[in-house]
Amino acid sequence: MFSAGFAKRFLGALTLGVLAFGCATVSPAQDQDKNKKSSDDQAAAEACKADPLKCPLSEKQRKKNVKSLRQELGKTYRKWLDEDVRWIISDEEKYAFMQLSNDEERDNFIEAFWQRRDPTPDTEENEFKEEHYRRIAYANEHFAAGIPGWKTDRGRTYVVFGPADEIESHPSGGSYQRPMEEGGGETSTFPFETWRYRYIEGIGQEVIIEFVDSCMCGDYHMTMDRSEKDALKYTPNAGLTLYEQMGMASKASRFTNGGIEQLGASPFNKDMNSKQFDRLEQFAKLQKAPAVKFKDLEEVVSHKISVNLMPFDVRADFVKVTSDTVLVPVTVQIKNRDVTFQNKEGVERGTVNIFGRVTTLTGRIVQTFEDTVQVDVPAELLPKTAENSSIYWKALPLKPGHYRFDIVVKDVNGDRVGTWQRGIQVPDFSEDRLSNSSLILADQMEPVATKNVGTGNFVIGTTKVRPRVAPSNGKPVSFKRNQKLNFWMQVYNLSVDEKTHKASATIEYNVTDTTTKKAVIHTIESTDTMGNVGDQVTLQKTLSAANLPPGLYKIEIKVNDNLSKQTVDPTATFAVE
């Protein structure tokens, strides 16, 4: 049915068209053009019937497609905002994003959003972003409850804070012996889970989060009230606490104390009301987007600049300890010329404070260390020791994985500070494949007394190994001609013959002059001559730098496992002065 207004307009347009047609004069040329156009239209119509994809778009259809494309792009950005980063974007970032006027600005914003959270901005990978989407996938797989897993309270907690350090799960509910701080006594519960985090940045230590499935539908929601899991809470004379059983409290009093938790009275929770503000504060913090990690890198990410007023160099090595633990010796090297010395009774003393922190990609602190390093030099010798270096060493046991290392060095007397940040991948040596520790070039290498095995500075196992640290300008480590060159490395997962219970491998040592490409040292040895070698062997070699002319060299240690047919061939570069 057409409305009267539409019919009136249609008839008016039709009348005007008839009048115009009656008044017009058509020339033969115009008539010929009209016939040609009609023929073209007919051909186009035939083409459309044969292949609809070849139909020419009308102006109206073209505009409709453009509008549809814009809407589709809008959905993409909306999904990113409402789903992908919903739990981790701050209110300020969200407001800024909503003010953007075009897609180019939105793309730049999204790129900067992930960069601000990238723990290793100098690498191509953004481990934070990868971990974030992994968590979303995990949440969708494990926490869905009629809605996508990432939307649930457990999913949100997992996406923002990662896996809990400990989970107590009661998937079926049922009989439950309350802890005394919850009133004691036995009751029956709905399904619930308690997640424990040892530490959450910005919230604190020993963070306990409780989720209750009170609908028995799989939708666990976060609760501040630990009594919410009590299925008998509203049942008279059922699920009583110890005080209620002994007549020292009534069950009705649970609902009249005015607190956020309706737990029964107990001698262990008398200060429950005073702690409710702590629970409210924790609950509020858990609802917020996490603070942007690594704020100190934001300037570096945005402007690609770095300031290091106190220069120093750092080296990290990797040595297998157990199947799931790696020793990571961190060596910090500071030139004496960069330290401010103060004279005290004829002795020049330089003092440097060192602070280090190792965190996971989620920001959880794994290790911290801090020490003071002092250097005392007789006043008359200070100018001669300007090019000498002070070495600090710290060995950190870590599990395989990706970490962020932050080291801060402060020159106490000169009040200067330098920083060093790196993303470091601690290797996994537990796999059944041939692997090796770091190849360490050391200026000192010597066995230690039995009582000092595994302890003390620069001690790895039974050997003291003091690494040379390459300068941050890209130059290799260097040795004076009057020094010893020491090479230290361990090899892991050698195959062992089932009959002899011994490994069988050859080790080649090659030192090459990088300028002439000629080998200056080439030796081969076999595990057969090393005694009873199992699946692990330590390689230690020393040579005199005096035997090498000044220049740049490369050392390659090639290990061939004759049983598994696997090979490792780590290399290192050094200079002789």
Foldseek 3Di string as FASTA:
>chain_A
DDDPVVVVVVVVVVVVVVVVVVPDDDDPVNVVVVVVVVVVVVVLVVVCVVPVVPRDDDPVRVVVVVVVVVVVVVVVLVCCCCPLCVQADAPVLVVVLVPDDDDVVNVVSVVLVLCLLAQANVDPDRVLSVVLVVLQVVQQVPQDQVHGSCPAQVSSLCNQQNAAPDKDWDQQWAWDADDQLLQGFIATFATKMKGWHQADPPQGGGDIWMWGPLVNRRRTHTALAPCSGGPCLVPAPGRHGPCCVVVNDHSVVLVVPPARYSGDDGPNNPCVRVCRVSSVVNVVVSRGNDDRPPNVCSCCSVPVDDDFLQDKFKDWWWDDDDQFKIKIKIKIKHFQLSAQWDDDPQKTKWKKKKKKWKAASSGHTDDIDIDMDMDIDGPVCSVVRRRPMDMDMDIDMDGFAKIKMKMKMAGVVVRGIGIDIRIDGHDRQNDQAKDKIDWFKAQDKDFDDPVCAPDDAQHDGGMRGHGFTQGPVPAAAEDEQQTKIKIKMKMANQDADPVVQAFWKKKWKWKAFPVVRDTPDIDMDIVVPVPRHHRMDMDMDMDGSNVPDWGKMKIWIWMAGPPVRDIDIDMGIYTYD
